Amino acid sequence: VRDAIMGYDISDYDITTNASLDEIKLVFSSDKVKEYSNKITLCIIKNHEHIEVTPFKGKTIVEDLSNRDFTINSIAYDLKEIIEKNNK
């Protein structure tokens, strides 16, 4: 989201979802899936693109953003609007 807002070329994708790791693996079962050693993120390799997929850190996207420790990572886009962490 940050790169898109700043007009940079997008070189990778980071997605968060309310799906579990097992559900993510099932959805991408026909693609190459790499599980990182942290056991909380999957890398989906599709058409030579690397897409990192992580379940929410919390129950909602807003809770997920609140659990991130860097302000620049506290934004998301849900294909309708930009969602920001309340930094108060």
C-alpha atoms as a PDB file:
ATOM      1  CA  VAL A   1       0.000   0.000   0.000  1.00  0.00           C
ATOM      2  CA  ARG A   2       2.808   2.386   0.925  1.00  0.00           C
ATOM      3  CA  ASP A   3       4.568   1.931  -2.435  1.00  0.00           C
ATOM      4  CA  ALA A   4       1.318   2.430  -4.366  1.00  0.00           C
ATOM      5  CA  ILE A   5       0.538   5.637  -2.460  1.00  0.00           C
ATOM      6  CA  MET A   6       4.031   6.957  -3.128  1.00  0.00           C
ATOM      7  CA  GLY A   7       3.849   6.040  -6.829  1.00  0.00           C
ATOM      8  CA  TYR A   8       6.626   3.425  -6.686  1.00  0.00           C
ATOM      9  CA  ASP A   9       6.662   0.241  -8.717  1.00  0.00           C
ATOM     10  CA  ILE A  10       5.262  -2.587  -6.642  1.00  0.00           C
ATOM     11  CA  SER A  11       7.841  -5.366  -6.259  1.00  0.00           C
ATOM     12  CA  ASP A  12       6.117  -7.620  -3.743  1.00  0.00           C
ATOM     13  CA  TYR A  13       2.770  -8.142  -2.108  1.00  0.00           C
ATOM     14  CA  ASP A  14       1.973  -8.573   1.579  1.00  0.00           C
ATOM     15  CA  ILE A  15      -1.538  -9.728   2.374  1.00  0.00           C
ATOM     16  CA  THR A  16      -3.250 -10.275   5.704  1.00  0.00           C
ATOM     17  CA  THR A  17      -6.446 -12.252   6.083  1.00  0.00           C
ATOM     18  CA  ASN A  18      -8.840 -13.673   8.631  1.00  0.00           C
ATOM     19  CA  ALA A  19      -8.099 -17.138   7.202  1.00  0.00           C
ATOM     20  CA  SER A  20      -5.902 -19.600   9.103  1.00  0.00           C
ATOM     21  CA  LEU A  21      -2.614 -20.899   7.686  1.00  0.00           C
ATOM     22  CA  ASP A  22      -4.322 -24.192   6.808  1.00  0.00           C
ATOM     23  CA  GLU A  23      -7.122 -22.355   4.989  1.00  0.00           C
ATOM     24  CA  ILE A  24      -4.579 -20.264   3.075  1.00  0.00           C
ATOM     25  CA  LYS A  25      -2.694 -23.415   2.044  1.00  0.00           C
ATOM     26  CA  LEU A  26      -5.954 -24.953   0.828  1.00  0.00           C
ATOM     27  CA  VAL A  27      -6.852 -21.879  -1.264  1.00  0.00           C
ATOM     28  CA  PHE A  28      -3.401 -21.884  -2.882  1.00  0.00           C
ATOM     29  CA  SER A  29      -3.011 -25.682  -3.111  1.00  0.00           C
ATOM     30  CA  SER A  30      -2.268 -25.528  -6.858  1.00  0.00           C
ATOM     31  CA  ASP A  31       0.579 -23.015  -6.328  1.00  0.00           C
ATOM     32  CA  LYS A  32       3.995 -23.365  -4.751  1.00  0.00           C
ATOM     33  CA  VAL A  33       3.663 -22.516  -1.045  1.00  0.00           C
ATOM     34  CA  LYS A  34       6.657 -21.905   1.205  1.00  0.00           C
ATOM     35  CA  GLU A  35       6.197 -21.703   4.972  1.00  0.00           C
ATOM     36  CA  TYR A  36       8.656 -19.373   6.668  1.00  0.00           C
ATOM     37  CA  SER A  37      10.467 -20.504   9.805  1.00  0.00           C
ATOM     38  CA  ASN A  38       8.460 -18.002  11.884  1.00  0.00           C
ATOM     39  CA  LYS A  39       5.429 -20.300  11.275  1.00  0.00           C
ATOM     40  CA  ILE A  40       3.110 -17.292  10.900  1.00  0.00           C
ATOM     41  CA  THR A  41       3.635 -16.309   7.259  1.00  0.00           C
ATOM     42  CA  LEU A  42       3.337 -18.193   3.988  1.00  0.00           C
ATOM     43  CA  CYS A  43       4.974 -17.224   0.720  1.00  0.00           C
ATOM     44  CA  ILE A  44       2.854 -18.043  -2.303  1.00  0.00           C
ATOM     45  CA  ILE A  45       4.820 -18.191  -5.546  1.00  0.00           C
ATOM     46  CA  LYS A  46       2.495 -17.530  -8.461  1.00  0.00           C
ATOM     47  CA  ASN A  47       3.630 -16.537 -11.952  1.00  0.00           C
ATOM     48  CA  HIS A  48       7.118 -15.761 -10.586  1.00  0.00           C
ATOM     49  CA  GLU A  49       5.590 -13.293  -8.078  1.00  0.00           C
ATOM     50  CA  HIS A  50       6.121 -13.713  -4.351  1.00  0.00           C
ATOM     51  CA  ILE A  51       3.046 -13.009  -2.265  1.00  0.00           C
ATOM     52  CA  GLU A  52       3.400 -13.110   1.524  1.00  0.00           C
ATOM     53  CA  VAL A  53       0.184 -14.047   3.314  1.00  0.00           C
ATOM     54  CA  THR A  54      -0.232 -13.766   7.089  1.00  0.00           C
ATOM     55  CA  PRO A  55      -3.340 -14.349   9.222  1.00  0.00           C
ATOM     56  CA  PHE A  56      -4.584 -11.318  11.164  1.00  0.00           C
ATOM     57  CA  LYS A  57      -2.828 -10.474  14.430  1.00  0.00           C
ATOM     58  CA  GLY A  58      -6.203 -10.042  16.113  1.00  0.00           C
ATOM     59  CA  LYS A  59      -9.767 -10.648  14.947  1.00  0.00           C
ATOM     60  CA  THR A  60     -10.118  -7.743  12.491  1.00  0.00           C
ATOM     61  CA  ILE A  61      -7.944  -5.715  10.145  1.00  0.00           C
ATOM     62  CA  VAL A  62      -8.067  -2.780  12.581  1.00  0.00           C
ATOM     63  CA  GLU A  63      -6.804  -5.010  15.426  1.00  0.00           C
ATOM     64  CA  ASP A  64      -4.119  -6.369  13.100  1.00  0.00           C
ATOM     65  CA  LEU A  65      -2.906  -2.858  12.277  1.00  0.00           C
ATOM     66  CA  SER A  66      -2.904  -1.943  15.977  1.00  0.00           C
ATOM     67  CA  ASN A  67      -0.535  -4.843  16.651  1.00  0.00           C
ATOM     68  CA  ARG A  68       2.067  -3.617  14.174  1.00  0.00           C
ATOM     69  CA  ASP A  69       5.021  -1.746  15.592  1.00  0.00           C
ATOM     70  CA  PHE A  70       5.852   0.610  12.714  1.00  0.00           C
ATOM     71  CA  THR A  71       3.505   3.382  11.623  1.00  0.00           C
ATOM     72  CA  ILE A  72       4.388   2.893   7.957  1.00  0.00           C
ATOM     73  CA  ASN A  73       3.141  -0.706   8.223  1.00  0.00           C
ATOM     74  CA  SER A  74      -0.079   0.425   9.864  1.00  0.00           C
ATOM     75  CA  ILE A  75      -2.015   0.934   6.660  1.00  0.00           C
ATOM     76  CA  ALA A  76      -4.046  -1.478   4.597  1.00  0.00           C
ATOM     77  CA  TYR A  77      -6.188  -1.367   1.497  1.00  0.00           C
ATOM     78  CA  ASP A  78      -9.318  -3.500   1.153  1.00  0.00           C
ATOM     79  CA  LEU A  79      -9.974  -2.724  -2.557  1.00  0.00           C
ATOM     80  CA  LYS A  80     -12.397   0.031  -1.486  1.00  0.00           C
ATOM     81  CA  GLU A  81     -10.543   2.279   0.928  1.00  0.00           C
ATOM     82  CA  ILE A  82      -7.307   2.775   2.834  1.00  0.00           C
ATOM     83  CA  ILE A  83      -7.541   1.632   6.443  1.00  0.00           C
ATOM     84  CA  GLU A  84      -5.187   3.226   8.949  1.00  0.00           C
ATOM     85  CA  LYS A  85      -4.186   2.382  12.480  1.00  0.00           C
ATOM     86  CA  ASN A  86      -5.335   4.919  15.069  1.00  0.00           C
ATOM     87  CA  ASN A  87      -1.972   6.235  16.298  1.00  0.00           C
ATOM     88  CA  LYS A  88      -3.336   7.934  19.426  1.00  0.00           C
END
